[in-house]
C-alpha atoms as a PDB file:
ATOM      1  CA  UNK A   1      -0.047   0.038  -0.004  1.00  0.00           C
ATOM      2  CA  UNK A   2       1.279   3.433  -0.997  1.00  0.00           C
ATOM      3  CA  UNK A   3      -0.226   5.621   1.833  1.00  0.00           C
ATOM      4  CA  UNK A   4      -3.255   4.779   3.896  1.00  0.00           C
ATOM      5  CA  UNK A   5      -4.246   8.343   4.934  1.00  0.00           C
ATOM      6  CA  UNK A   6      -7.310   8.097   7.291  1.00  0.00           C
ATOM      7  CA  UNK A   7      -8.851  11.522   6.169  1.00  0.00           C
ATOM      8  CA  UNK A   8     -12.106  10.295   7.192  1.00  0.00           C
ATOM      9  CA  UNK A   9     -10.765  10.179  10.822  1.00  0.00           C
ATOM     10  CA  UNK A  10      -9.678  13.824  10.472  1.00  0.00           C
ATOM     11  CA  UNK A  11     -13.099  15.894  10.631  1.00  0.00           C
ATOM     12  CA  UNK A  12     -11.260  19.226  10.658  1.00  0.00           C
ATOM     13  CA  UNK A  13      -9.550  18.329   7.125  1.00  0.00           C
ATOM     14  CA  UNK A  14     -13.002  16.618   5.783  1.00  0.00           C
ATOM     15  CA  UNK A  15     -14.737  19.938   6.919  1.00  0.00           C
ATOM     16  CA  UNK A  16     -11.969  22.068   4.730  1.00  0.00           C
ATOM     17  CA  UNK A  17     -12.339  20.143   1.615  1.00  0.00           C
ATOM     18  CA  UNK A  18     -15.722  18.177   1.802  1.00  0.00           C
ATOM     19  CA  UNK A  19     -17.375  20.418  -0.805  1.00  0.00           C
ATOM     20  CA  UNK A  20     -14.556  19.751  -3.406  1.00  0.00           C
ATOM     21  CA  UNK A  21     -14.279  15.935  -2.346  1.00  0.00           C
ATOM     22  CA  UNK A  22     -18.127  15.780  -2.899  1.00  0.00           C
ATOM     23  CA  UNK A  23     -18.336  17.665  -6.402  1.00  0.00           C
ATOM     24  CA  UNK A  24     -19.255  15.769  -9.251  1.00  0.00           C
ATOM     25  CA  UNK A  25     -16.732  17.078 -11.439  1.00  0.00           C
ATOM     26  CA  UNK A  26     -13.893  16.384  -8.953  1.00  0.00           C
ATOM     27  CA  UNK A  27     -15.168  12.856  -8.709  1.00  0.00           C
ATOM     28  CA  UNK A  28     -14.440  12.340 -12.427  1.00  0.00           C
ATOM     29  CA  UNK A  29     -10.726  12.535 -11.477  1.00  0.00           C
ATOM     30  CA  UNK A  30     -11.060   8.929 -10.058  1.00  0.00           C
ATOM     31  CA  UNK A  31     -11.372   7.983 -13.770  1.00  0.00           C
ATOM     32  CA  UNK A  32      -8.155   9.706 -15.003  1.00  0.00           C
ATOM     33  CA  UNK A  33      -4.778   7.843 -14.881  1.00  0.00           C
ATOM     34  CA  UNK A  34      -2.026   9.689 -12.985  1.00  0.00           C
ATOM     35  CA  UNK A  35       1.435   8.161 -12.340  1.00  0.00           C
ATOM     36  CA  UNK A  36      -0.196   4.631 -12.814  1.00  0.00           C
ATOM     37  CA  UNK A  37      -2.734   5.368 -10.217  1.00  0.00           C
ATOM     38  CA  UNK A  38      -5.579   7.763 -10.347  1.00  0.00           C
ATOM     39  CA  UNK A  39      -5.632  11.711 -10.164  1.00  0.00           C
ATOM     40  CA  UNK A  40      -8.200  11.806  -7.389  1.00  0.00           C
ATOM     41  CA  UNK A  41      -5.967   9.663  -4.786  1.00  0.00           C
ATOM     42  CA  UNK A  42      -3.019  11.619  -5.997  1.00  0.00           C
ATOM     43  CA  UNK A  43      -4.781  14.673  -5.186  1.00  0.00           C
ATOM     44  CA  UNK A  44      -5.844  13.713  -1.735  1.00  0.00           C
ATOM     45  CA  UNK A  45      -2.475  12.384  -0.773  1.00  0.00           C
ATOM     46  CA  UNK A  46      -0.720  15.875  -1.852  1.00  0.00           C
ATOM     47  CA  UNK A  47      -3.518  17.670  -0.200  1.00  0.00           C
ATOM     48  CA  UNK A  48      -3.326  15.916   3.125  1.00  0.00           C
ATOM     49  CA  UNK A  49       0.259  15.610   3.408  1.00  0.00           C
ATOM     50  CA  UNK A  50       0.570  19.379   2.648  1.00  0.00           C
ATOM     51  CA  UNK A  51      -2.232  20.477   4.970  1.00  0.00           C
ATOM     52  CA  UNK A  52      -0.479  18.252   7.822  1.00  0.00           C
ATOM     53  CA  UNK A  53       2.578  20.144   7.069  1.00  0.00           C
ATOM     54  CA  UNK A  54       1.255  23.313   7.051  1.00  0.00           C
ATOM     55  CA  UNK A  55      -0.719  22.830  10.395  1.00  0.00           C
ATOM     56  CA  UNK A  56       2.605  22.087  11.887  1.00  0.00           C
ATOM     57  CA  UNK A  57       4.185  25.036  10.555  1.00  0.00           C
ATOM     58  CA  UNK A  58       1.168  27.272  11.593  1.00  0.00           C
ATOM     59  CA  UNK A  59       0.662  28.489   8.199  1.00  0.00           C
ATOM     60  CA  UNK A  60      -2.344  28.676   5.982  1.00  0.00           C
ATOM     61  CA  UNK A  61      -3.374  25.001   6.136  1.00  0.00           C
ATOM     62  CA  UNK A  62      -6.924  25.589   4.920  1.00  0.00           C
ATOM     63  CA  UNK A  63      -5.830  27.037   1.758  1.00  0.00           C
ATOM     64  CA  UNK A  64      -3.043  24.437   1.322  1.00  0.00           C
ATOM     65  CA  UNK A  65      -5.778  21.609   1.747  1.00  0.00           C
ATOM     66  CA  UNK A  66      -8.116  23.150  -0.755  1.00  0.00           C
ATOM     67  CA  UNK A  67      -5.358  24.073  -3.170  1.00  0.00           C
ATOM     68  CA  UNK A  68      -3.623  20.879  -3.022  1.00  0.00           C
ATOM     69  CA  UNK A  69      -6.697  19.018  -3.896  1.00  0.00           C
ATOM     70  CA  UNK A  70      -7.210  21.148  -7.067  1.00  0.00           C
ATOM     71  CA  UNK A  71      -3.468  21.344  -8.204  1.00  0.00           C
ATOM     72  CA  UNK A  72      -4.292  18.805 -10.936  1.00  0.00           C
ATOM     73  CA  UNK A  73      -8.046  19.401 -11.396  1.00  0.00           C
ATOM     74  CA  UNK A  74      -8.460  19.171 -15.146  1.00  0.00           C
ATOM     75  CA  UNK A  75     -10.096  16.341 -17.109  1.00  0.00           C
ATOM     76  CA  UNK A  76      -7.712  15.600 -19.668  1.00  0.00           C
ATOM     77  CA  UNK A  77      -6.298  12.069 -19.786  1.00  0.00           C
ATOM     78  CA  UNK A  78      -2.995  12.151 -21.287  1.00  0.00           C
ATOM     79  CA  UNK A  79      -2.841   8.375 -21.580  1.00  0.00           C
ATOM     80  CA  UNK A  80      -3.388   8.371 -25.240  1.00  0.00           C
ATOM     81  CA  UNK A  81      -1.474  11.550 -26.015  1.00  0.00           C
ATOM     82  CA  UNK A  82       1.584  11.914 -28.143  1.00  0.00           C
ATOM     83  CA  UNK A  83       4.979  12.760 -26.551  1.00  0.00           C
ATOM     84  CA  UNK A  84       4.882  16.270 -27.699  1.00  0.00           C
ATOM     85  CA  UNK A  85       1.191  16.613 -26.233  1.00  0.00           C
ATOM     86  CA  UNK A  86       2.164  15.083 -22.864  1.00  0.00           C
ATOM     87  CA  UNK A  87       5.166  17.554 -22.594  1.00  0.00           C
ATOM     88  CA  UNK A  88       2.962  20.389 -23.577  1.00  0.00           C
ATOM     89  CA  UNK A  89       0.252  19.165 -20.855  1.00  0.00           C
ATOM     90  CA  UNK A  90       3.021  18.812 -18.176  1.00  0.00           C
ATOM     91  CA  UNK A  91       4.019  22.405 -18.441  1.00  0.00           C
ATOM     92  CA  UNK A  92       0.619  24.017 -18.854  1.00  0.00           C
ATOM     93  CA  UNK A  93      -1.619  21.754 -16.615  1.00  0.00           C
ATOM     94  CA  UNK A  94      -1.238  24.243 -13.800  1.00  0.00           C
ATOM     95  CA  UNK A  95      -2.899  26.825 -15.762  1.00  0.00           C
ATOM     96  CA  UNK A  96      -5.692  24.322 -16.958  1.00  0.00           C
ATOM     97  CA  UNK A  97      -6.260  23.243 -13.146  1.00  0.00           C
ATOM     98  CA  UNK A  98      -6.427  27.137 -12.031  1.00  0.00           C
ATOM     99  CA  UNK A  99      -8.985  27.762 -14.733  1.00  0.00           C
ATOM    100  CA  UNK A 100     -11.096  24.617 -14.305  1.00  0.00           C
ATOM    101  CA  UNK A 101     -11.047  25.111 -10.555  1.00  0.00           C
ATOM    102  CA  UNK A 102     -12.120  28.824 -10.776  1.00  0.00           C
ATOM    103  CA  UNK A 103     -15.130  27.421 -12.865  1.00  0.00           C
ATOM    104  CA  UNK A 104     -16.420  25.411  -9.879  1.00  0.00           C
ATOM    105  CA  UNK A 105     -15.015  27.086  -6.783  1.00  0.00           C
ATOM    106  CA  UNK A 106     -13.855  30.350  -5.478  1.00  0.00           C
ATOM    107  CA  UNK A 107     -10.387  30.582  -4.989  1.00  0.00           C
ATOM    108  CA  UNK A 108      -8.084  33.053  -2.988  1.00  0.00           C
ATOM    109  CA  UNK A 109      -5.148  34.808  -4.519  1.00  0.00           C
ATOM    110  CA  UNK A 110      -2.907  32.546  -2.455  1.00  0.00           C
ATOM    111  CA  UNK A 111      -4.968  29.123  -3.444  1.00  0.00           C
ATOM    112  CA  UNK A 112      -4.337  30.298  -7.078  1.00  0.00           C
ATOM    113  CA  UNK A 113      -0.623  30.794  -6.710  1.00  0.00           C
ATOM    114  CA  UNK A 114      -0.551  27.409  -5.243  1.00  0.00           C
ATOM    115  CA  UNK A 115      -2.441  25.849  -8.087  1.00  0.00           C
ATOM    116  CA  UNK A 116      -0.439  27.632 -10.848  1.00  0.00           C
ATOM    117  CA  UNK A 117       3.097  27.262  -9.374  1.00  0.00           C
ATOM    118  CA  UNK A 118       2.802  23.610  -8.092  1.00  0.00           C
ATOM    119  CA  UNK A 119       5.117  22.647 -11.115  1.00  0.00           C
ATOM    120  CA  UNK A 120       8.209  25.105 -10.728  1.00  0.00           C
ATOM    121  CA  UNK A 121      10.693  24.662 -12.034  1.00  0.00           C
ATOM    122  CA  UNK A 122       9.371  22.814 -15.042  1.00  0.00           C
ATOM    123  CA  UNK A 123       6.535  25.381 -15.279  1.00  0.00           C
ATOM    124  CA  UNK A 124       8.343  28.764 -14.763  1.00  0.00           C
ATOM    125  CA  UNK A 125       5.684  30.226 -12.397  1.00  0.00           C
ATOM    126  CA  UNK A 126       7.698  30.842  -9.200  1.00  0.00           C
ATOM    127  CA  UNK A 127       5.708  30.321  -5.929  1.00  0.00           C
ATOM    128  CA  UNK A 128       5.054  33.472  -4.052  1.00  0.00           C
ATOM    129  CA  UNK A 129       3.969  32.097  -0.535  1.00  0.00           C
ATOM    130  CA  UNK A 130       5.346  29.411   1.764  1.00  0.00           C
ATOM    131  CA  UNK A 131       2.348  27.609   0.938  1.00  0.00           C
ATOM    132  CA  UNK A 132       2.587  27.185  -2.454  1.00  0.00           C
ATOM    133  CA  UNK A 133       6.262  25.957  -2.037  1.00  0.00           C
ATOM    134  CA  UNK A 134       5.132  23.161   0.479  1.00  0.00           C
ATOM    135  CA  UNK A 135       2.284  22.138  -2.150  1.00  0.00           C
ATOM    136  CA  UNK A 136       5.232  22.240  -4.911  1.00  0.00           C
ATOM    137  CA  UNK A 137       7.577  20.171  -2.850  1.00  0.00           C
ATOM    138  CA  UNK A 138       5.187  17.602  -1.317  1.00  0.00           C
ATOM    139  CA  UNK A 139       3.552  17.253  -4.927  1.00  0.00           C
ATOM    140  CA  UNK A 140       7.241  16.176  -6.088  1.00  0.00           C
ATOM    141  CA  UNK A 141       7.595  13.826  -3.127  1.00  0.00           C
ATOM    142  CA  UNK A 142       4.427  12.079  -3.730  1.00  0.00           C
ATOM    143  CA  UNK A 143       4.968  11.972  -7.364  1.00  0.00           C
ATOM    144  CA  UNK A 144       8.103  10.311  -6.852  1.00  0.00           C
ATOM    145  CA  UNK A 145       6.601   7.817  -4.157  1.00  0.00           C
ATOM    146  CA  UNK A 146       3.674   6.959  -6.733  1.00  0.00           C
ATOM    147  CA  UNK A 147       6.315   6.266  -9.586  1.00  0.00           C
ATOM    148  CA  UNK A 148       8.430   3.996  -7.430  1.00  0.00           C
ATOM    149  CA  UNK A 149       4.980   2.201  -6.041  1.00  0.00           C
ATOM    150  CA  UNK A 150       4.120   1.603  -9.707  1.00  0.00           C
ATOM    151  CA  UNK A 151       7.495   0.377 -10.822  1.00  0.00           C
ATOM    152  CA  UNK A 152       7.800  -2.008  -7.904  1.00  0.00           C
ATOM    153  CA  UNK A 153       4.525  -3.541  -8.870  1.00  0.00           C
ATOM    154  CA  UNK A 154       5.403  -4.074 -12.550  1.00  0.00           C
ATOM    155  CA  UNK A 155       8.582  -5.582 -11.350  1.00  0.00           C
ATOM    156  CA  UNK A 156       6.966  -7.948  -8.878  1.00  0.00           C
ATOM    157  CA  UNK A 157       4.393  -9.031 -11.865  1.00  0.00           C
ATOM    158  CA  UNK A 158       7.491  -9.608 -14.269  1.00  0.00           C
ATOM    159  CA  UNK A 159       9.438 -11.446 -11.475  1.00  0.00           C
ATOM    160  CA  UNK A 160       6.195 -13.628 -10.911  1.00  0.00           C
ATOM    161  CA  UNK A 161       5.777 -14.327 -14.403  1.00  0.00           C
ATOM    162  CA  UNK A 162       9.471 -15.307 -14.925  1.00  0.00           C
ATOM    163  CA  UNK A 163       8.911 -17.578 -11.724  1.00  0.00           C
ATOM    164  CA  UNK A 164       5.862 -19.190 -13.159  1.00  0.00           C
ATOM    165  CA  UNK A 165       7.700 -19.620 -16.381  1.00  0.00           C
ATOM    166  CA  UNK A 166      10.613 -21.343 -14.884  1.00  0.00           C
ATOM    167  CA  UNK A 167       8.226 -23.745 -12.856  1.00  0.00           C
ATOM    168  CA  UNK A 168       6.946 -24.953 -16.248  1.00  0.00           C
ATOM    169  CA  UNK A 169      10.287 -25.964 -17.732  1.00  0.00           C
ATOM    170  CA  UNK A 170      11.115 -29.495 -17.281  1.00  0.00           C
END
C-alpha cells in the first residue's frame, strides 16, 4: 500500500475540503490515470500531506488543503497523447487546473498561486508563498513515491511471470 491516509478520521480536514471531494466534476478525477494510479487519490495524498505540514508550521493550512486538492484538477487524460502533447500538458496543466478550479470553486489569491506554481521549475511560475512551496515540494515527493510504487508493482509482476515460466520448464 502506498499511503493509507485516514482522512475520514480527520474531521477538521474533511470539513475544509468536503465540498471539493463531493463535487461531481472532481469525482471524475477518479477515472483519470495519473502516475499509474488515479488523479483523485494523488490529489488527496498531496492535499492531506501538505495540510498536515502547513498545520505543523502554523501557516495557511486551509488554503493548502483546498489548493492541494485542486492542483491537478483538469479532466484531460494524457494516456493516449503523443509525447509532444504530454510535454505540453506537463508544462501547462497548472493553468488548466486553475481555470477549471475557478469554474467550480471560489479561490483566494494564495490558492491560485499554489495551483499555478506547483510545477516550478518545470513550469516557470515561481511560488510566491510558503504555502505554495509546500504543495510544490510535497507534490514532487508524492509523485516520486507513486512512480516507485508503480515500478515496484510492475517488477513484482514480471518476477512472478518469470518464476511461473521457470516452474513450467522440465
